[in-house]
Amino acid sequence: MNTSLLLRSMKVKTYHNVFAEAKKHPQFEFFCEESLTRIKLAETIYQERVAQSMTMEQLAELISNPSRVS
């Protein structure tokens, strides 16, 4: 089958369509806020870890959380 013909026959969602559908969800704003909060927390932890010249393994050991970083 021709590739262009195959692509035309498939229903391909673009990122724009996926996000447009997601915005319709009643809890969309909550999920966005929660995700942003998690990202900010992760960024703060990363910046502090780097400022302390710690590896991820050292941080995991410090907080008694086994790390599986490779």
C-alpha atoms as a PDB file:
ATOM      1  CA  MET A   1       0.000   0.000   0.000  1.00  0.00           C
ATOM      2  CA  ASN A   2       1.229   3.484  -0.827  1.00  0.00           C
ATOM      3  CA  THR A   3       2.446   5.357   2.290  1.00  0.00           C
ATOM      4  CA  SER A   4       0.569   8.563   1.497  1.00  0.00           C
ATOM      5  CA  LEU A   5      -2.617   6.572   0.861  1.00  0.00           C
ATOM      6  CA  LEU A   6      -2.160   4.747   4.149  1.00  0.00           C
ATOM      7  CA  LEU A   7      -1.680   8.011   6.054  1.00  0.00           C
ATOM      8  CA  ARG A   8      -4.798   9.514   4.496  1.00  0.00           C
ATOM      9  CA  SER A   9      -6.839   6.471   5.472  1.00  0.00           C
ATOM     10  CA  MET A  10      -5.696   6.668   9.114  1.00  0.00           C
ATOM     11  CA  LYS A  11      -7.382   8.932  11.606  1.00  0.00           C
ATOM     12  CA  VAL A  12      -4.383  10.824  12.951  1.00  0.00           C
ATOM     13  CA  LYS A  13      -4.915  13.255  15.803  1.00  0.00           C
ATOM     14  CA  THR A  14      -2.650  16.243  15.963  1.00  0.00           C
ATOM     15  CA  TYR A  15      -1.381  17.633  19.244  1.00  0.00           C
ATOM     16  CA  HIS A  16      -3.670  20.608  18.702  1.00  0.00           C
ATOM     17  CA  ASN A  17      -6.736  18.353  18.550  1.00  0.00           C
ATOM     18  CA  VAL A  18      -5.685  16.368  21.620  1.00  0.00           C
ATOM     19  CA  PHE A  19      -5.209  19.518  23.680  1.00  0.00           C
ATOM     20  CA  ALA A  20      -8.441  21.016  22.406  1.00  0.00           C
ATOM     21  CA  GLU A  21     -10.265  17.899  23.593  1.00  0.00           C
ATOM     22  CA  ALA A  22      -8.427  17.898  26.935  1.00  0.00           C
ATOM     23  CA  LYS A  23      -9.432  21.519  27.604  1.00  0.00           C
ATOM     24  CA  LYS A  24     -13.061  20.424  27.518  1.00  0.00           C
ATOM     25  CA  HIS A  25     -12.557  18.162  30.548  1.00  0.00           C
ATOM     26  CA  PRO A  26     -14.177  19.650  33.676  1.00  0.00           C
ATOM     27  CA  GLN A  27     -10.991  19.181  35.716  1.00  0.00           C
ATOM     28  CA  PHE A  28      -8.553  20.410  33.064  1.00  0.00           C
ATOM     29  CA  GLU A  29      -7.550  23.531  35.024  1.00  0.00           C
ATOM     30  CA  PHE A  30      -7.013  21.500  38.205  1.00  0.00           C
ATOM     31  CA  PHE A  31      -4.789  18.998  36.373  1.00  0.00           C
ATOM     32  CA  CYS A  32      -2.781  21.836  34.820  1.00  0.00           C
ATOM     33  CA  GLU A  33      -2.269  23.512  38.197  1.00  0.00           C
ATOM     34  CA  GLU A  34      -1.303  20.241  39.847  1.00  0.00           C
ATOM     35  CA  SER A  35       1.170  19.432  37.077  1.00  0.00           C
ATOM     36  CA  LEU A  36       2.712  22.888  37.247  1.00  0.00           C
ATOM     37  CA  THR A  37       3.108  22.554  41.019  1.00  0.00           C
ATOM     38  CA  ARG A  38       4.867  19.199  40.596  1.00  0.00           C
ATOM     39  CA  ILE A  39       7.162  20.621  37.917  1.00  0.00           C
ATOM     40  CA  LYS A  40       8.097  23.589  40.123  1.00  0.00           C
ATOM     41  CA  LEU A  41       8.823  21.259  43.051  1.00  0.00           C
ATOM     42  CA  ALA A  42      11.002  19.005  40.893  1.00  0.00           C
ATOM     43  CA  GLU A  43      12.867  22.028  39.540  1.00  0.00           C
ATOM     44  CA  THR A  44      13.471  23.351  43.075  1.00  0.00           C
ATOM     45  CA  ILE A  45      14.774  19.976  44.249  1.00  0.00           C
ATOM     46  CA  TYR A  46      17.036  19.727  41.195  1.00  0.00           C
ATOM     47  CA  GLN A  47      18.460  23.227  41.676  1.00  0.00           C
ATOM     48  CA  GLU A  48      19.174  22.598  45.366  1.00  0.00           C
ATOM     49  CA  ARG A  49      20.735  19.206  44.624  1.00  0.00           C
ATOM     50  CA  VAL A  50      23.041  20.759  42.045  1.00  0.00           C
ATOM     51  CA  ALA A  51      23.880  23.651  44.392  1.00  0.00           C
ATOM     52  CA  GLN A  52      24.922  21.070  46.995  1.00  0.00           C
ATOM     53  CA  SER A  53      26.980  19.165  44.363  1.00  0.00           C
ATOM     54  CA  MET A  54      24.986  16.015  45.046  1.00  0.00           C
ATOM     55  CA  THR A  55      24.250  13.175  42.672  1.00  0.00           C
ATOM     56  CA  MET A  56      20.749  11.757  42.429  1.00  0.00           C
ATOM     57  CA  GLU A  57      21.989   8.649  44.196  1.00  0.00           C
ATOM     58  CA  GLN A  58      23.362  10.731  47.100  1.00  0.00           C
ATOM     59  CA  LEU A  59      20.069  12.598  47.430  1.00  0.00           C
ATOM     60  CA  ALA A  60      18.118   9.342  47.366  1.00  0.00           C
ATOM     61  CA  GLU A  61      20.353   7.929  50.092  1.00  0.00           C
ATOM     62  CA  LEU A  62      19.992  11.098  52.161  1.00  0.00           C
ATOM     63  CA  ILE A  63      16.207  10.860  52.121  1.00  0.00           C
ATOM     64  CA  SER A  64      16.295   7.070  52.531  1.00  0.00           C
ATOM     65  CA  ASN A  65      14.739   6.427  49.146  1.00  0.00           C
ATOM     66  CA  PRO A  66      16.429   3.736  47.030  1.00  0.00           C
ATOM     67  CA  SER A  67      17.231   5.214  43.641  1.00  0.00           C
ATOM     68  CA  ARG A  68      17.146   3.285  40.388  1.00  0.00           C
ATOM     69  CA  VAL A  69      18.844   5.962  38.307  1.00  0.00           C
ATOM     70  CA  SER A  70      20.996   4.688  35.491  1.00  0.00           C
END
